[in-house]
Amino acid sequence: MEYPVTVFIGKVREYEGSRPSAIGKVQVEGELSLTDRGLVGDQQAEKKIHGGPDRALCHYPREHYEQWAREFPEQAAWFVAPAFGENLSTVGLTEEHVFIGDIFQWGDALIQVTQPRSPCFKVNFHSGIGDLSGLMQEKTRCGWLYRVIAEGKVAADAPLALVSRVSGVSVKEAAAIAWHTPFDDEQYHRLLSTAGLSASWAKTMQKRRLSGKIESFSRRLWGRG
């Protein structure tokens, strides 16, 4: 199945009262070059937490905006793509139906889902909603990130097409394991075994798994004492 896509890129800007950001993206048409660092012409302000090989593109489902607008009617006008700073916007692909490791053809390029997006505090500033980044996690309306596994020419009139599914862990499940459910070693192992998972998420999840196992062992030890 193919999914029409709207494409956005942005430059880093200064914002009074907040840190520099490239969240203010604009829609682009025509042919673009996609490299392993993302779309040529797109920028990221803080490269330790944005961009890089495993976070070359950000995708946000357009249908989520309607839900946000209903929940925050006073800010409804703000909830229009690309308010969350996404590069790709579609209808029909959500966290429930997209899986870690999914490979999509886009024009001449191949892109692979690597992780749920970890919402940045900057969306709170730009939306005027103090806990929006937390709500994005809580409601799993966070979007996801891609790595580029084959560079090439892409375009807004070139749809996304799923060509390979290599795991059984959806973006929604990955987010639930990381953010929502009590520690479960089996589920952490399942997530860490997922093909395509980003290096940063694998590192974070491994640390949490180790901490969770130590905590579980301590509880059992205390119980026996």
N, C-alpha and C. Protein backbone atom coordinates (compact mmCIF):
# COMPACT_ATOMS: atom_id res chain seq x y z
N MET A 1 0.83 -1.19 0.00
CA MET A 1 0.00 0.00 0.00
C MET A 1 0.87 1.25 0.00
N GLU A 2 0.44 2.28 -0.70
CA GLU A 2 1.19 3.51 -0.78
C GLU A 2 0.49 4.62 0.00
N TYR A 3 1.30 5.50 0.58
CA TYR A 3 0.77 6.59 1.40
C TYR A 3 1.31 7.93 0.88
N PRO A 4 0.43 8.79 0.37
CA PRO A 4 0.88 10.12 -0.04
C PRO A 4 1.50 10.86 1.14
N VAL A 5 2.53 11.63 0.87
CA VAL A 5 3.28 12.26 1.94
C VAL A 5 3.45 13.76 1.67
N THR A 6 3.35 14.54 2.73
CA THR A 6 3.67 15.97 2.69
C THR A 6 5.02 16.14 3.35
N VAL A 7 5.88 16.98 2.76
CA VAL A 7 7.28 17.07 3.18
C VAL A 7 7.58 18.47 3.70
N PHE A 8 8.36 18.52 4.80
CA PHE A 8 8.71 19.79 5.43
C PHE A 8 10.20 19.81 5.77
N ILE A 9 10.81 20.98 5.62
CA ILE A 9 12.18 21.19 6.08
C ILE A 9 12.25 22.53 6.81
N GLY A 10 13.30 22.71 7.61
CA GLY A 10 13.39 23.95 8.37
C GLY A 10 14.82 24.32 8.71
N LYS A 11 15.03 25.59 8.98
CA LYS A 11 16.32 26.12 9.40
C LYS A 11 16.29 26.43 10.89
N VAL A 12 17.43 26.39 11.52
CA VAL A 12 17.54 26.74 12.93
C VAL A 12 17.27 28.24 13.09
N ARG A 13 16.43 28.56 14.07
CA ARG A 13 16.09 29.95 14.37
C ARG A 13 16.23 30.21 15.86
N GLU A 14 16.43 31.47 16.20
CA GLU A 14 16.44 31.90 17.59
C GLU A 14 15.02 32.22 18.02
N TYR A 15 14.68 31.85 19.26
CA TYR A 15 13.35 32.15 19.80
C TYR A 15 13.52 32.79 21.17
N GLU A 16 12.95 33.96 21.34
CA GLU A 16 13.04 34.63 22.63
C GLU A 16 12.28 33.83 23.68
N GLY A 17 12.95 33.52 24.76
CA GLY A 17 12.33 32.76 25.83
C GLY A 17 12.56 31.26 25.72
N SER A 18 13.22 30.83 24.65
CA SER A 18 13.51 29.40 24.49
C SER A 18 14.84 29.25 23.77
N ARG A 19 15.28 28.01 23.61
CA ARG A 19 16.54 27.75 22.94
C ARG A 19 16.35 27.71 21.43
N PRO A 20 17.43 27.86 20.67
CA PRO A 20 17.32 27.79 19.21
C PRO A 20 16.68 26.47 18.78
N SER A 21 15.94 26.51 17.68
CA SER A 21 15.22 25.33 17.23
C SER A 21 14.95 25.42 15.73
N ALA A 22 14.80 24.26 15.12
CA ALA A 22 14.37 24.18 13.71
C ALA A 22 12.96 23.61 13.63
N ILE A 23 12.19 23.78 14.70
CA ILE A 23 10.83 23.24 14.73
C ILE A 23 9.94 23.96 13.72
N GLY A 24 10.27 25.20 13.37
CA GLY A 24 9.45 25.97 12.44
C GLY A 24 9.72 25.59 11.00
N LYS A 25 9.18 24.48 10.55
CA LYS A 25 9.45 23.97 9.21
C LYS A 25 8.41 24.48 8.22
N VAL A 26 8.77 24.39 6.93
CA VAL A 26 7.88 24.84 5.86
C VAL A 26 7.71 23.72 4.85
N GLN A 27 6.56 23.69 4.21
CA GLN A 27 6.28 22.67 3.21
C GLN A 27 7.10 22.92 1.95
N VAL A 28 7.60 21.84 1.39
CA VAL A 28 8.39 21.93 0.16
C VAL A 28 7.81 21.00 -0.89
N GLU A 29 7.97 21.40 -2.14
CA GLU A 29 7.52 20.60 -3.28
C GLU A 29 8.72 20.26 -4.16
N GLY A 30 8.50 19.38 -5.10
CA GLY A 30 9.54 19.06 -6.06
C GLY A 30 10.55 18.07 -5.52
N GLU A 31 11.59 17.87 -6.29
CA GLU A 31 12.59 16.85 -5.97
C GLU A 31 13.56 17.35 -4.91
N LEU A 32 13.91 16.45 -3.98
CA LEU A 32 14.85 16.74 -2.91
C LEU A 32 15.88 15.62 -2.84
N SER A 33 17.03 15.93 -2.27
CA SER A 33 18.05 14.91 -2.05
C SER A 33 17.98 14.44 -0.60
N LEU A 34 17.99 13.13 -0.42
CA LEU A 34 17.97 12.53 0.91
C LEU A 34 19.28 11.80 1.14
N THR A 35 20.01 12.21 2.18
CA THR A 35 21.27 11.56 2.53
C THR A 35 21.09 10.82 3.86
N ASP A 36 22.16 10.20 4.32
CA ASP A 36 22.06 9.47 5.59
C ASP A 36 21.89 10.41 6.78
N ARG A 37 22.00 11.72 6.57
CA ARG A 37 21.78 12.70 7.63
C ARG A 37 20.44 13.41 7.49
N GLY A 38 19.67 13.05 6.47
CA GLY A 38 18.35 13.65 6.31
C GLY A 38 18.21 14.39 5.00
N LEU A 39 17.17 15.19 4.91
CA LEU A 39 16.89 15.96 3.71
C LEU A 39 17.88 17.12 3.58
N VAL A 40 18.44 17.28 2.41
CA VAL A 40 19.32 18.41 2.18
C VAL A 40 18.51 19.70 2.32
N GLY A 41 19.00 20.61 3.15
CA GLY A 41 18.28 21.84 3.43
C GLY A 41 17.58 21.85 4.77
N ASP A 42 17.46 20.68 5.40
CA ASP A 42 16.84 20.60 6.73
C ASP A 42 17.94 20.68 7.79
N GLN A 43 17.63 21.31 8.91
CA GLN A 43 18.62 21.48 9.97
C GLN A 43 18.08 21.00 11.31
N GLN A 44 19.00 20.76 12.26
CA GLN A 44 18.67 20.46 13.64
C GLN A 44 19.51 21.35 14.54
N ALA A 45 18.90 21.83 15.61
CA ALA A 45 19.60 22.78 16.49
C ALA A 45 20.53 22.08 17.47
N GLU A 46 20.09 20.98 18.06
CA GLU A 46 20.85 20.33 19.12
C GLU A 46 21.08 18.88 18.71
N LYS A 47 22.23 18.64 18.10
CA LYS A 47 22.50 17.38 17.45
C LYS A 47 22.71 16.21 18.41
N LYS A 48 22.87 16.50 19.70
CA LYS A 48 22.98 15.39 20.65
C LYS A 48 21.66 14.67 20.83
N ILE A 49 20.56 15.39 20.61
CA ILE A 49 19.25 14.78 20.81
C ILE A 49 18.39 14.80 19.55
N HIS A 50 18.85 15.49 18.51
CA HIS A 50 18.12 15.55 17.25
C HIS A 50 19.05 15.20 16.10
N GLY A 51 18.52 14.58 15.08
CA GLY A 51 19.31 14.29 13.90
C GLY A 51 20.28 13.15 14.11
N GLY A 52 21.18 12.97 13.15
CA GLY A 52 22.13 11.87 13.19
C GLY A 52 21.62 10.69 12.37
N PRO A 53 22.46 9.68 12.16
CA PRO A 53 22.10 8.57 11.28
C PRO A 53 20.83 7.83 11.66
N ASP A 54 20.57 7.66 12.96
CA ASP A 54 19.37 6.93 13.39
C ASP A 54 18.14 7.81 13.53
N ARG A 55 18.32 9.13 13.35
CA ARG A 55 17.21 10.08 13.51
C ARG A 55 17.21 11.07 12.36
N ALA A 56 17.38 10.54 11.16
CA ALA A 56 17.55 11.40 9.98
C ALA A 56 16.26 12.07 9.56
N LEU A 57 15.12 11.43 9.84
CA LEU A 57 13.81 11.96 9.47
C LEU A 57 12.83 11.77 10.62
N CYS A 58 11.92 12.72 10.77
CA CYS A 58 10.85 12.62 11.77
C CYS A 58 9.51 12.56 11.04
N HIS A 59 8.68 11.62 11.45
CA HIS A 59 7.36 11.39 10.82
C HIS A 59 6.29 11.56 11.89
N TYR A 60 5.26 12.35 11.56
CA TYR A 60 4.15 12.53 12.50
C TYR A 60 2.82 12.33 11.78
N PRO A 61 1.93 11.48 12.33
CA PRO A 61 0.64 11.23 11.69
C PRO A 61 -0.24 12.48 11.71
N ARG A 62 -0.75 12.85 10.56
CA ARG A 62 -1.53 14.08 10.47
C ARG A 62 -2.86 13.95 11.20
N GLU A 63 -3.42 12.73 11.29
CA GLU A 63 -4.71 12.58 11.95
C GLU A 63 -4.66 12.91 13.45
N HIS A 64 -3.46 12.86 14.05
CA HIS A 64 -3.36 13.21 15.47
C HIS A 64 -3.72 14.66 15.74
N TYR A 65 -3.49 15.51 14.77
CA TYR A 65 -3.75 16.94 14.98
C TYR A 65 -5.22 17.20 15.31
N GLU A 66 -6.12 16.46 14.68
CA GLU A 66 -7.55 16.63 14.97
C GLU A 66 -7.85 16.28 16.42
N GLN A 67 -7.19 15.22 16.92
CA GLN A 67 -7.39 14.82 18.31
C GLN A 67 -6.88 15.89 19.27
N TRP A 68 -5.68 16.42 18.99
CA TRP A 68 -5.12 17.46 19.85
C TRP A 68 -6.01 18.70 19.84
N ALA A 69 -6.50 19.09 18.69
CA ALA A 69 -7.33 20.29 18.58
C ALA A 69 -8.61 20.15 19.38
N ARG A 70 -9.19 18.94 19.39
CA ARG A 70 -10.40 18.71 20.20
C ARG A 70 -10.09 18.80 21.69
N GLU A 71 -8.93 18.33 22.09
CA GLU A 71 -8.57 18.32 23.51
C GLU A 71 -8.11 19.69 24.01
N PHE A 72 -7.58 20.50 23.09
CA PHE A 72 -7.11 21.84 23.45
C PHE A 72 -7.70 22.86 22.49
N PRO A 73 -9.00 23.11 22.60
CA PRO A 73 -9.67 24.00 21.64
C PRO A 73 -9.10 25.41 21.60
N GLU A 74 -8.57 25.90 22.72
CA GLU A 74 -8.00 27.24 22.72
C GLU A 74 -6.74 27.34 21.87
N GLN A 75 -6.04 26.22 21.70
CA GLN A 75 -4.84 26.19 20.87
C GLN A 75 -5.08 25.48 19.54
N ALA A 76 -6.35 25.28 19.17
CA ALA A 76 -6.68 24.48 17.99
C ALA A 76 -5.97 24.98 16.73
N ALA A 77 -5.84 26.29 16.59
CA ALA A 77 -5.22 26.83 15.39
C ALA A 77 -3.76 26.43 15.27
N TRP A 78 -3.12 26.10 16.39
CA TRP A 78 -1.70 25.71 16.37
C TRP A 78 -1.52 24.30 15.84
N PHE A 79 -2.53 23.45 16.01
CA PHE A 79 -2.38 22.03 15.70
C PHE A 79 -2.61 21.76 14.21
N VAL A 80 -1.64 22.17 13.43
CA VAL A 80 -1.63 21.94 11.99
C VAL A 80 -0.21 21.55 11.61
N ALA A 81 -0.06 20.52 10.78
CA ALA A 81 1.28 20.12 10.35
C ALA A 81 1.99 21.30 9.69
N PRO A 82 3.28 21.49 10.00
CA PRO A 82 4.19 20.63 10.78
C PRO A 82 4.51 21.22 12.16
N ALA A 83 3.48 21.45 12.97
CA ALA A 83 3.68 22.11 14.27
C ALA A 83 4.68 21.38 15.16
N PHE A 84 4.77 20.05 15.02
CA PHE A 84 5.68 19.29 15.86
C PHE A 84 7.07 19.16 15.24
N GLY A 85 7.32 19.87 14.17
CA GLY A 85 8.65 19.87 13.58
C GLY A 85 8.95 18.63 12.75
N GLU A 86 7.91 17.95 12.27
CA GLU A 86 8.10 16.74 11.48
C GLU A 86 8.56 17.05 10.07
N ASN A 87 9.28 16.08 9.48
CA ASN A 87 9.64 16.15 8.07
C ASN A 87 8.58 15.54 7.18
N LEU A 88 7.95 14.48 7.67
CA LEU A 88 6.98 13.74 6.87
C LEU A 88 5.63 13.70 7.57
N SER A 89 4.57 13.93 6.80
CA SER A 89 3.21 13.92 7.34
C SER A 89 2.34 13.08 6.42
N THR A 90 1.60 12.15 7.02
CA THR A 90 0.73 11.26 6.24
C THR A 90 -0.59 11.06 6.97
N VAL A 91 -1.52 10.49 6.26
CA VAL A 91 -2.75 9.97 6.85
C VAL A 91 -2.79 8.48 6.55
N GLY A 92 -3.06 7.68 7.59
CA GLY A 92 -3.15 6.24 7.40
C GLY A 92 -2.05 5.44 8.06
N LEU A 93 -0.99 6.11 8.48
CA LEU A 93 0.10 5.45 9.21
C LEU A 93 0.14 6.02 10.62
N THR A 94 -0.04 5.17 11.62
CA THR A 94 0.04 5.60 13.01
C THR A 94 0.97 4.67 13.78
N GLU A 95 1.25 5.04 15.01
CA GLU A 95 2.16 4.26 15.86
C GLU A 95 1.68 2.82 16.04
N GLU A 96 0.40 2.60 15.94
CA GLU A 96 -0.15 1.25 16.10
C GLU A 96 0.13 0.35 14.90
N HIS A 97 0.27 0.97 13.73
CA HIS A 97 0.38 0.19 12.49
C HIS A 97 1.77 0.21 11.88
N VAL A 98 2.68 1.00 12.46
CA VAL A 98 4.06 1.06 11.99
C VAL A 98 4.94 0.35 13.00
N PHE A 99 5.90 -0.44 12.52
CA PHE A 99 6.71 -1.28 13.39
C PHE A 99 8.18 -0.88 13.33
N ILE A 100 8.86 -1.06 14.47
CA ILE A 100 10.30 -0.83 14.50
C ILE A 100 10.94 -1.72 13.43
N GLY A 101 11.82 -1.12 12.63
CA GLY A 101 12.50 -1.87 11.58
C GLY A 101 11.80 -1.85 10.24
N ASP A 102 10.57 -1.33 10.17
CA ASP A 102 9.86 -1.25 8.89
C ASP A 102 10.70 -0.47 7.88
N ILE A 103 10.77 -0.98 6.67
CA ILE A 103 11.51 -0.31 5.60
C ILE A 103 10.52 0.18 4.56
N PHE A 104 10.61 1.47 4.26
CA PHE A 104 9.74 2.10 3.28
C PHE A 104 10.56 2.57 2.08
N GLN A 105 9.99 2.38 0.90
CA GLN A 105 10.54 3.00 -0.31
C GLN A 105 9.95 4.39 -0.42
N TRP A 106 10.82 5.37 -0.64
CA TRP A 106 10.38 6.75 -0.88
C TRP A 106 11.20 7.29 -2.03
N GLY A 107 10.59 7.41 -3.19
CA GLY A 107 11.34 7.80 -4.36
C GLY A 107 12.44 6.79 -4.63
N ASP A 108 13.66 7.28 -4.77
CA ASP A 108 14.80 6.39 -4.99
C ASP A 108 15.39 5.87 -3.69
N ALA A 109 14.91 6.36 -2.56
CA ALA A 109 15.53 6.07 -1.26
C ALA A 109 14.79 4.97 -0.51
N LEU A 110 15.50 4.38 0.44
CA LEU A 110 14.91 3.44 1.39
C LEU A 110 15.14 3.99 2.79
N ILE A 111 14.08 4.03 3.61
CA ILE A 111 14.19 4.54 4.97
C ILE A 111 13.64 3.50 5.94
N GLN A 112 14.21 3.44 7.14
CA GLN A 112 13.84 2.41 8.12
C GLN A 112 13.46 3.04 9.46
N VAL A 113 12.35 2.59 10.01
CA VAL A 113 11.88 3.07 11.32
C VAL A 113 12.84 2.59 12.41
N THR A 114 13.29 3.52 13.25
CA THR A 114 14.28 3.18 14.28
C THR A 114 13.78 3.28 15.71
N GLN A 115 12.82 4.16 15.98
CA GLN A 115 12.37 4.35 17.36
C GLN A 115 11.16 5.28 17.39
N PRO A 116 10.38 5.24 18.49
CA PRO A 116 9.40 6.30 18.69
C PRO A 116 10.14 7.62 18.88
N ARG A 117 9.50 8.70 18.51
CA ARG A 117 10.09 10.00 18.80
C ARG A 117 9.96 10.27 20.29
N SER A 118 11.04 10.71 20.90
CA SER A 118 11.00 11.14 22.30
C SER A 118 10.72 12.64 22.30
N PRO A 119 9.50 13.04 22.61
CA PRO A 119 9.12 14.45 22.44
C PRO A 119 10.01 15.40 23.22
N CYS A 120 10.38 16.49 22.59
CA CYS A 120 11.25 17.49 23.18
C CYS A 120 10.42 18.53 23.95
N PHE A 121 11.00 19.06 25.01
CA PHE A 121 10.31 20.07 25.82
C PHE A 121 9.96 21.32 25.02
N LYS A 122 10.62 21.51 23.88
CA LYS A 122 10.38 22.71 23.09
C LYS A 122 8.96 22.79 22.56
N VAL A 123 8.30 21.62 22.38
CA VAL A 123 6.90 21.68 21.90
C VAL A 123 6.02 22.35 22.95
N ASN A 124 6.39 22.26 24.22
CA ASN A 124 5.63 22.94 25.27
C ASN A 124 5.67 24.45 25.07
N PHE A 125 6.87 24.95 24.80
CA PHE A 125 7.04 26.39 24.59
C PHE A 125 6.28 26.87 23.35
N HIS A 126 6.42 26.17 22.27
CA HIS A 126 5.85 26.63 21.00
C HIS A 126 4.33 26.47 20.96
N SER A 127 3.80 25.49 21.68
CA SER A 127 2.35 25.30 21.70
C SER A 127 1.66 26.13 22.77
N GLY A 128 2.42 26.53 23.80
CA GLY A 128 1.81 27.20 24.94
C GLY A 128 1.13 26.25 25.89
N ILE A 129 1.40 24.94 25.76
CA ILE A 129 0.82 23.91 26.63
C ILE A 129 1.96 23.31 27.45
N GLY A 130 1.97 23.56 28.74
CA GLY A 130 3.12 23.26 29.58
C GLY A 130 3.55 21.82 29.64
N ASP A 131 2.62 20.88 29.46
CA ASP A 131 2.97 19.46 29.59
C ASP A 131 2.72 18.69 28.30
N LEU A 132 2.72 19.38 27.15
CA LEU A 132 2.38 18.70 25.90
C LEU A 132 3.35 17.58 25.56
N SER A 133 4.64 17.78 25.80
CA SER A 133 5.61 16.72 25.48
C SER A 133 5.32 15.47 26.30
N GLY A 134 4.94 15.66 27.57
CA GLY A 134 4.58 14.50 28.40
C GLY A 134 3.31 13.83 27.92
N LEU A 135 2.35 14.62 27.48
CA LEU A 135 1.10 14.05 26.96
C LEU A 135 1.33 13.28 25.67
N MET A 136 2.26 13.74 24.85
CA MET A 136 2.58 13.01 23.63
C MET A 136 3.07 11.61 23.96
N GLN A 137 3.88 11.50 25.00
CA GLN A 137 4.34 10.18 25.45
C GLN A 137 3.19 9.39 26.06
N GLU A 138 2.45 10.03 26.94
CA GLU A 138 1.37 9.34 27.66
C GLU A 138 0.33 8.76 26.71
N LYS A 139 -0.02 9.52 25.68
CA LYS A 139 -1.07 9.10 24.75
C LYS A 139 -0.50 8.37 23.54
N THR A 140 0.82 8.20 23.50
CA THR A 140 1.52 7.57 22.38
C THR A 140 1.13 8.21 21.06
N ARG A 141 1.07 9.54 21.06
CA ARG A 141 0.93 10.30 19.82
C ARG A 141 2.24 11.04 19.61
N CYS A 142 3.30 10.28 19.44
CA CYS A 142 4.65 10.83 19.45
C CYS A 142 5.30 10.83 18.08
N GLY A 143 4.80 10.04 17.15
CA GLY A 143 5.47 9.88 15.87
C GLY A 143 6.67 8.97 16.00
N TRP A 144 7.49 8.93 14.96
CA TRP A 144 8.66 8.04 14.96
C TRP A 144 9.75 8.62 14.08
N LEU A 145 10.93 7.98 14.16
CA LEU A 145 12.11 8.45 13.45
C LEU A 145 12.61 7.37 12.49
N TYR A 146 13.38 7.83 11.50
CA TYR A 146 13.94 6.92 10.49
C TYR A 146 15.45 7.09 10.37
N ARG A 147 16.10 6.00 9.94
CA ARG A 147 17.43 6.07 9.36
C ARG A 147 17.29 5.92 7.84
N VAL A 148 18.27 6.40 7.12
CA VAL A 148 18.28 6.26 5.67
C VAL A 148 19.22 5.12 5.32
N ILE A 149 18.69 4.06 4.76
CA ILE A 149 19.55 2.91 4.43
C ILE A 149 19.94 2.89 2.95
N ALA A 150 19.28 3.71 2.15
CA ALA A 150 19.68 3.91 0.76
C ALA A 150 19.36 5.34 0.39
N GLU A 151 20.38 6.14 0.14
CA GLU A 151 20.20 7.54 -0.22
C GLU A 151 19.61 7.66 -1.62
N GLY A 152 19.06 8.84 -1.93
CA GLY A 152 18.54 9.03 -3.27
C GLY A 152 17.67 10.26 -3.38
N LYS A 153 17.10 10.43 -4.55
CA LYS A 153 16.19 11.53 -4.81
C LYS A 153 14.79 11.15 -4.34
N VAL A 154 14.14 12.10 -3.64
CA VAL A 154 12.78 11.89 -3.14
C VAL A 154 11.96 13.12 -3.55
N ALA A 155 10.65 13.03 -3.34
CA ALA A 155 9.79 14.16 -3.70
C ALA A 155 8.47 14.04 -2.98
N ALA A 156 7.80 15.18 -2.85
CA ALA A 156 6.50 15.18 -2.18
C ALA A 156 5.46 14.39 -2.96
N ASP A 157 5.65 14.25 -4.28
CA ASP A 157 4.69 13.48 -5.06
C ASP A 157 5.07 12.01 -5.18
N ALA A 158 6.11 11.61 -4.44
CA ALA A 158 6.49 10.20 -4.37
C ALA A 158 5.96 9.62 -3.07
N PRO A 159 5.03 8.68 -3.11
CA PRO A 159 4.44 8.15 -1.87
C PRO A 159 5.40 7.25 -1.12
N LEU A 160 5.06 7.02 0.15
CA LEU A 160 5.77 6.01 0.94
C LEU A 160 5.13 4.65 0.67
N ALA A 161 5.96 3.63 0.51
CA ALA A 161 5.46 2.28 0.28
C ALA A 161 6.24 1.31 1.16
N LEU A 162 5.53 0.55 2.00
CA LEU A 162 6.18 -0.43 2.86
C LEU A 162 6.71 -1.58 2.00
N VAL A 163 8.01 -1.85 2.13
CA VAL A 163 8.60 -2.92 1.33
C VAL A 163 9.09 -4.08 2.17
N SER A 164 9.28 -3.86 3.48
CA SER A 164 9.77 -4.95 4.33
C SER A 164 9.40 -4.70 5.78
N ARG A 165 8.95 -5.76 6.46
CA ARG A 165 8.67 -5.70 7.90
C ARG A 165 9.54 -6.75 8.58
N VAL A 166 10.41 -6.29 9.48
CA VAL A 166 11.42 -7.20 10.03
C VAL A 166 11.23 -7.47 11.51
N SER A 167 10.20 -6.90 12.13
CA SER A 167 9.98 -7.14 13.56
C SER A 167 8.50 -7.23 13.86
N GLY A 168 8.20 -7.66 15.07
CA GLY A 168 6.82 -7.74 15.53
C GLY A 168 6.51 -6.73 16.61
N VAL A 169 7.35 -5.70 16.75
CA VAL A 169 7.16 -4.69 17.78
C VAL A 169 6.75 -3.38 17.12
N SER A 170 5.51 -2.98 17.36
CA SER A 170 5.04 -1.72 16.79
C SER A 170 5.67 -0.54 17.52
N VAL A 171 5.59 0.62 16.89
CA VAL A 171 6.06 1.83 17.55
C VAL A 171 5.29 2.05 18.85
N LYS A 172 4.00 1.77 18.83
CA LYS A 172 3.17 1.93 20.03
C LYS A 172 3.63 0.99 21.13
N GLU A 173 3.95 -0.26 20.79
CA GLU A 173 4.42 -1.22 21.80
C GLU A 173 5.78 -0.80 22.34
N ALA A 174 6.66 -0.33 21.48
CA ALA A 174 7.98 0.12 21.94
C ALA A 174 7.84 1.25 22.93
N ALA A 175 6.93 2.19 22.62
CA ALA A 175 6.69 3.30 23.53
C ALA A 175 6.12 2.82 24.86
N ALA A 176 5.20 1.85 24.80
CA ALA A 176 4.59 1.32 26.02
C ALA A 176 5.63 0.65 26.91
N ILE A 177 6.52 -0.13 26.31
CA ILE A 177 7.55 -0.81 27.09
C ILE A 177 8.47 0.22 27.75
N ALA A 178 8.80 1.26 27.02
CA ALA A 178 9.75 2.26 27.53
C ALA A 178 9.13 3.22 28.52
N TRP A 179 7.87 3.59 28.32
CA TRP A 179 7.30 4.71 29.06
C TRP A 179 6.12 4.36 29.96
N HIS A 180 5.39 3.29 29.67
CA HIS A 180 4.08 3.14 30.30
C HIS A 180 3.95 1.96 31.26
N THR A 181 4.57 0.85 30.97
CA THR A 181 4.31 -0.36 31.74
C THR A 181 5.38 -0.59 32.80
N PRO A 182 5.03 -1.27 33.90
CA PRO A 182 6.03 -1.63 34.90
C PRO A 182 7.13 -2.48 34.27
N PHE A 183 8.28 -2.50 34.90
CA PHE A 183 9.42 -3.25 34.35
C PHE A 183 9.06 -4.71 34.15
N ASP A 184 9.34 -5.18 32.95
CA ASP A 184 9.12 -6.58 32.58
C ASP A 184 10.34 -7.01 31.76
N ASP A 185 11.18 -7.85 32.34
CA ASP A 185 12.43 -8.20 31.68
C ASP A 185 12.19 -8.86 30.32
N GLU A 186 11.15 -9.65 30.22
CA GLU A 186 10.85 -10.32 28.95
C GLU A 186 10.53 -9.30 27.86
N GLN A 187 9.76 -8.27 28.22
CA GLN A 187 9.40 -7.25 27.24
C GLN A 187 10.61 -6.39 26.85
N TYR A 188 11.47 -6.10 27.81
CA TYR A 188 12.68 -5.35 27.49
C TYR A 188 13.58 -6.18 26.56
N HIS A 189 13.68 -7.46 26.83
CA HIS A 189 14.46 -8.34 25.95
C HIS A 189 13.85 -8.36 24.55
N ARG A 190 12.54 -8.39 24.49
CA ARG A 190 11.85 -8.38 23.19
C ARG A 190 12.16 -7.10 22.41
N LEU A 191 12.12 -5.97 23.11
CA LEU A 191 12.41 -4.71 22.45
C LEU A 191 13.88 -4.65 22.02
N LEU A 192 14.79 -5.06 22.88
CA LEU A 192 16.21 -5.00 22.56
C LEU A 192 16.58 -5.95 21.42
N SER A 193 15.78 -6.97 21.22
CA SER A 193 16.04 -7.93 20.14
C SER A 193 15.44 -7.49 18.81
N THR A 194 14.77 -6.35 18.82
CA THR A 194 14.07 -5.89 17.63
C THR A 194 15.04 -5.38 16.57
N ALA A 195 14.95 -5.94 15.38
CA ALA A 195 15.80 -5.49 14.27
C ALA A 195 15.49 -4.05 13.93
N GLY A 196 16.53 -3.26 13.75
CA GLY A 196 16.36 -1.88 13.33
C GLY A 196 16.31 -0.86 14.44
N LEU A 197 16.24 -1.29 15.70
CA LEU A 197 16.16 -0.35 16.82
C LEU A 197 17.38 0.56 16.82
N SER A 198 17.15 1.86 17.09
CA SER A 198 18.26 2.81 17.08
C SER A 198 19.27 2.50 18.17
N ALA A 199 20.51 2.90 17.94
CA ALA A 199 21.58 2.64 18.91
C ALA A 199 21.30 3.35 20.23
N SER A 200 20.77 4.59 20.17
CA SER A 200 20.53 5.33 21.41
C SER A 200 19.44 4.68 22.23
N TRP A 201 18.38 4.19 21.57
CA TRP A 201 17.32 3.51 22.32
C TRP A 201 17.82 2.18 22.87
N ALA A 202 18.61 1.46 22.10
CA ALA A 202 19.15 0.19 22.58
C ALA A 202 20.01 0.40 23.82
N LYS A 203 20.81 1.46 23.80
CA LYS A 203 21.66 1.76 24.96
C LYS A 203 20.82 2.12 26.17
N THR A 204 19.82 2.98 25.98
CA THR A 204 18.97 3.40 27.09
C THR A 204 18.19 2.22 27.65
N MET A 205 17.62 1.41 26.76
CA MET A 205 16.81 0.28 27.22
C MET A 205 17.67 -0.77 27.93
N GLN A 206 18.91 -0.96 27.47
CA GLN A 206 19.79 -1.91 28.13
C GLN A 206 20.12 -1.45 29.54
N LYS A 207 20.35 -0.15 29.71
CA LYS A 207 20.63 0.39 31.04
C LYS A 207 19.42 0.21 31.95
N ARG A 208 18.23 0.49 31.42
CA ARG A 208 17.02 0.34 32.23
C ARG A 208 16.78 -1.13 32.58
N ARG A 209 17.06 -2.01 31.62
CA ARG A 209 16.87 -3.43 31.88
C ARG A 209 17.78 -3.90 33.00
N LEU A 210 19.03 -3.46 32.96
CA LEU A 210 19.97 -3.83 34.01
C LEU A 210 19.51 -3.30 35.36
N SER A 211 19.08 -2.04 35.39
CA SER A 211 18.60 -1.45 36.65
C SER A 211 17.37 -2.19 37.16
N GLY A 212 16.47 -2.55 36.23
CA GLY A 212 15.26 -3.26 36.62
C GLY A 212 15.55 -4.63 37.17
N LYS A 213 16.52 -5.31 36.58
CA LYS A 213 16.88 -6.65 37.07
C LYS A 213 17.51 -6.56 38.45
N ILE A 214 18.35 -5.54 38.66
CA ILE A 214 18.97 -5.35 39.97
C ILE A 214 17.90 -5.05 41.02
N GLU A 215 16.94 -4.18 40.65
CA GLU A 215 15.88 -3.83 41.59
C GLU A 215 15.02 -5.04 41.91
N SER A 216 14.69 -5.84 40.89
CA SER A 216 13.88 -7.04 41.11
C SER A 216 14.61 -8.03 42.01
N PHE A 217 15.92 -8.19 41.80
CA PHE A 217 16.72 -9.09 42.63
C PHE A 217 16.75 -8.61 44.07
N SER A 218 16.88 -7.27 44.25
CA SER A 218 16.92 -6.71 45.60
C SER A 218 15.60 -6.94 46.33
N ARG A 219 14.50 -6.82 45.61
CA ARG A 219 13.19 -7.05 46.26
C ARG A 219 13.07 -8.49 46.72
N ARG A 220 13.49 -9.42 45.85
CA ARG A 220 13.43 -10.84 46.22
C ARG A 220 14.34 -11.13 47.41
N LEU A 221 15.52 -10.54 47.38
CA LEU A 221 16.47 -10.74 48.48
C LEU A 221 15.90 -10.19 49.78
N TRP A 222 15.31 -9.01 49.74
CA TRP A 222 14.71 -8.39 50.91
C TRP A 222 13.55 -9.24 51.43
N GLY A 223 12.79 -9.79 50.48
CA GLY A 223 11.65 -10.63 50.89
C GLY A 223 12.09 -11.87 51.60
N ARG A 224 13.23 -12.44 51.15
CA ARG A 224 13.72 -13.64 51.82
C ARG A 224 14.32 -13.33 53.18
N GLY A 225 14.78 -12.04 53.32
CA GLY A 225 15.40 -11.67 54.60
C GLY A 225 14.38 -11.53 55.68
